[in-house]
């Protein structure tokens, strides 16, 4: 289904690299997002960042690519990712292992 993976800068890069290795798909930069790109981030909190990336992709490709995140703060996010691991995370600030504490 997917031909490549795009990781949203900073938080989404590490999960995107892991997924690209697991699926044996290339990692691409923002200008190469296409109809068969999976967009990856660490969290959809308000959803603004993911929304902006999706909107850019839709303008360019006429379709909205699928998205994958580790965490989705469903009570306040403006969009629902296609794939997510956890959706009930409360309001606590999350620090991922690849970030400084």
Protein backbone atom coordinates (compact mmCIF):
# COMPACT_ATOMS: atom_id res chain seq x y z
CA UNK A 1 0.00 0.00 0.00
CA UNK A 2 2.75 2.49 0.92
CA UNK A 3 5.75 3.35 -1.25
CA UNK A 4 7.60 5.52 1.27
CA UNK A 5 7.57 7.05 4.75
CA UNK A 6 7.79 10.69 5.83
CA UNK A 7 8.70 11.57 9.42
CA UNK A 8 7.61 14.96 10.72
CA UNK A 9 10.78 16.75 11.77
CA UNK A 10 12.06 16.11 15.24
CA UNK A 11 9.49 13.96 17.03
CA UNK A 12 8.42 11.87 14.07
CA UNK A 13 11.86 11.10 12.66
CA UNK A 14 12.82 8.26 15.02
CA UNK A 15 9.49 6.39 14.72
CA UNK A 16 9.55 6.98 10.94
CA UNK A 17 13.02 5.45 10.62
CA UNK A 18 11.94 2.41 12.67
CA UNK A 19 8.82 1.94 10.52
CA UNK A 20 10.78 2.43 7.29
CA UNK A 21 13.18 -0.34 8.34
CA UNK A 22 10.37 -2.68 9.40
CA UNK A 23 8.44 -2.15 6.16
CA UNK A 24 11.59 -1.91 4.03
CA UNK A 25 10.42 1.40 2.57
CA UNK A 26 12.49 4.52 1.88
CA UNK A 27 12.29 7.60 4.07
CA UNK A 28 11.52 10.76 2.07
CA UNK A 29 11.60 14.48 2.73
CA UNK A 30 8.54 16.74 2.75
CA UNK A 31 8.72 17.66 -0.94
CA UNK A 32 8.48 13.97 -1.92
CA UNK A 33 5.27 13.18 -0.03
CA UNK A 34 2.94 11.45 -2.46
CA UNK A 35 -0.32 9.56 -2.55
CA UNK A 36 1.34 6.43 -1.16
CA UNK A 37 3.34 8.06 1.63
CA UNK A 38 2.73 7.21 5.28
CA UNK A 39 3.20 10.35 7.41
CA UNK A 40 4.61 9.57 10.87
CA UNK A 41 4.89 11.61 14.07
CA UNK A 42 5.35 10.82 17.75
CA UNK A 43 2.11 12.43 18.96
CA UNK A 44 -0.97 14.21 17.67
CA UNK A 45 -1.68 16.62 20.50
CA UNK A 46 -3.64 19.57 19.14
CA UNK A 47 -3.25 18.12 15.65
CA UNK A 48 -2.06 21.37 14.12
CA UNK A 49 1.30 20.05 12.87
CA UNK A 50 -0.17 16.91 11.33
CA UNK A 51 -3.03 18.93 9.82
CA UNK A 52 -0.58 21.32 8.14
CA UNK A 53 1.47 18.47 6.66
CA UNK A 54 -1.69 16.74 5.43
CA UNK A 55 -2.99 19.97 3.91
CA UNK A 56 0.30 20.54 2.06
CA UNK A 57 0.14 16.96 0.74
CA UNK A 58 -3.51 17.36 -0.31
CA UNK A 59 -2.80 20.55 -2.25
CA UNK A 60 0.08 18.83 -4.04
CA UNK A 61 -1.45 15.38 -4.62
CA UNK A 62 -5.23 15.92 -4.38
CA UNK A 63 -5.48 13.24 -1.68
CA UNK A 64 -4.71 13.11 2.04
CA UNK A 65 -2.04 10.52 2.92
CA UNK A 66 -2.46 8.11 5.83
CA UNK A 67 -0.90 9.00 9.17
CA UNK A 68 0.64 7.02 12.02
CA UNK A 69 1.51 8.20 15.53
CA UNK A 70 2.46 6.67 18.83
CA UNK A 71 0.03 8.78 20.85
CA UNK A 72 -3.19 10.58 19.93
CA UNK A 73 -4.67 13.02 22.43
CA UNK A 74 -8.19 12.40 21.17
CA UNK A 75 -9.94 14.73 23.61
CA UNK A 76 -8.27 17.82 22.12
CA UNK A 77 -6.86 16.91 18.69
CA UNK A 78 -8.44 18.40 15.59
CA UNK A 79 -7.92 15.19 13.61
CA UNK A 80 -7.75 11.44 14.09
CA UNK A 81 -4.63 9.68 12.79
CA UNK A 82 -5.09 6.63 10.57
CA UNK A 83 -2.99 4.51 12.94
CA UNK A 84 -2.14 5.12 16.59
CA UNK A 85 -0.93 3.09 19.55
CA UNK A 86 -2.59 4.90 22.44
CA UNK A 87 -5.47 7.39 22.56
CA UNK A 88 -6.16 7.97 26.25
CA UNK A 89 -3.06 9.72 27.55
CA UNK A 90 -4.49 12.54 29.65
CA UNK A 91 -2.82 15.94 29.82
CA UNK A 92 0.64 14.94 31.04
CA UNK A 93 3.63 16.13 29.02
CA UNK A 94 5.26 13.17 27.30
CA UNK A 95 9.04 12.86 27.08
CA UNK A 96 10.16 10.24 24.60
CA UNK A 97 13.39 8.24 25.02
CA UNK A 98 15.02 10.12 22.12
CA UNK A 99 14.35 13.54 23.68
CA UNK A 100 16.24 15.40 26.38
CA UNK A 101 14.46 15.46 29.71
